[in-house]
Amino acid sequence: MDQLPPHPDSERYSVTLCPPAVTAVAELTAASGVSKSDVINRAVLLLGFIEAERAKGHDLMIRDTSGALERIHII
């Protein structure tokens, strides 16, 4: 398997987002005040982190305001 450099140079992509993703990017951009590129970069980095943790056998959990834990499934 090819190994990636630790910090590759920036790279430009052209992608077509599905309508729910377009809405999510717009909402996240408005709520966070960051650019669309930053929102998408953060999403990719978050998915990478989640997949790395799942590869270690870890679960993704969320705690609600009452303290109850719920396992999150990303397909």
Protein backbone atom coordinates (compact mmCIF):
# COMPACT_ATOMS: atom_id res chain seq x y z
CA MET A 1 0.00 0.00 0.00
CA ASP A 2 1.29 3.49 -0.85
CA GLN A 3 2.03 5.70 2.12
CA LEU A 4 0.88 9.29 2.17
CA PRO A 5 3.28 12.04 3.20
CA PRO A 6 2.64 13.26 6.77
CA HIS A 7 1.30 16.61 5.57
CA PRO A 8 0.63 16.64 1.84
CA ASP A 9 0.28 19.93 0.02
CA SER A 10 -3.14 21.47 -0.43
CA GLU A 11 -5.18 19.95 -3.19
CA ARG A 12 -8.22 21.31 -5.00
CA TYR A 13 -11.24 19.06 -5.59
CA SER A 14 -14.43 19.55 -7.51
CA VAL A 15 -17.27 17.55 -6.00
CA THR A 16 -21.01 17.42 -6.44
CA LEU A 17 -22.82 17.40 -3.13
CA CYS A 18 -26.24 15.83 -2.69
CA PRO A 19 -29.04 18.22 -1.65
CA PRO A 20 -28.93 17.30 2.08
CA ALA A 21 -25.16 17.90 2.11
CA VAL A 22 -25.62 21.29 0.42
CA THR A 23 -28.12 22.24 3.12
CA ALA A 24 -25.82 21.00 5.88
CA VAL A 25 -22.85 22.98 4.51
CA ALA A 26 -24.97 26.14 4.28
CA GLU A 27 -26.28 25.69 7.83
CA LEU A 28 -22.85 24.93 9.26
CA THR A 29 -21.30 27.88 7.43
CA ALA A 30 -23.96 30.24 8.79
CA ALA A 31 -23.77 28.84 12.32
CA SER A 32 -19.98 28.72 12.59
CA GLY A 33 -18.98 31.75 10.54
CA VAL A 34 -16.32 29.78 8.68
CA SER A 35 -16.05 29.22 4.95
CA LYS A 36 -17.56 26.36 2.99
CA SER A 37 -14.05 25.00 2.44
CA ASP A 38 -13.41 25.03 6.20
CA VAL A 39 -16.71 23.27 6.91
CA ILE A 40 -15.91 20.56 4.34
CA ASN A 41 -12.31 20.21 5.58
CA ARG A 42 -13.55 19.78 9.15
CA ALA A 43 -16.11 17.19 8.05
CA VAL A 44 -13.47 15.15 6.22
CA LEU A 45 -11.08 15.34 9.18
CA LEU A 46 -13.85 14.34 11.59
CA LEU A 47 -14.80 11.34 9.45
CA GLY A 48 -11.13 10.35 9.28
CA PHE A 49 -10.87 10.50 13.07
CA ILE A 50 -14.06 8.47 13.51
CA GLU A 51 -12.93 5.80 11.05
CA ALA A 52 -9.51 5.57 12.74
CA GLU A 53 -11.19 5.06 16.12
CA ARG A 54 -13.59 2.46 14.70
CA ALA A 55 -10.60 0.61 13.22
CA LYS A 56 -9.26 0.34 16.78
CA GLY A 57 -12.54 -1.25 17.84
CA HIS A 58 -13.86 1.86 19.58
CA ASP A 59 -17.50 2.95 19.53
CA LEU A 60 -18.82 6.46 18.87
CA MET A 61 -21.09 7.56 21.70
CA ILE A 62 -23.08 10.67 22.48
CA ARG A 63 -24.28 11.69 25.93
CA ASP A 64 -27.63 13.47 26.18
CA THR A 65 -28.44 16.14 28.77
CA SER A 66 -29.71 13.53 31.23
CA GLY A 67 -26.39 11.68 31.05
CA ALA A 68 -27.66 8.71 29.05
CA LEU A 69 -25.26 7.34 26.44
CA GLU A 70 -26.30 6.39 22.93
CA ARG A 71 -24.10 4.59 20.41
CA ILE A 72 -23.85 6.35 17.05
CA HIS A 73 -23.79 4.25 13.89
CA ILE A 74 -22.29 5.77 10.75
CA ILE A 75 -22.82 3.73 7.64
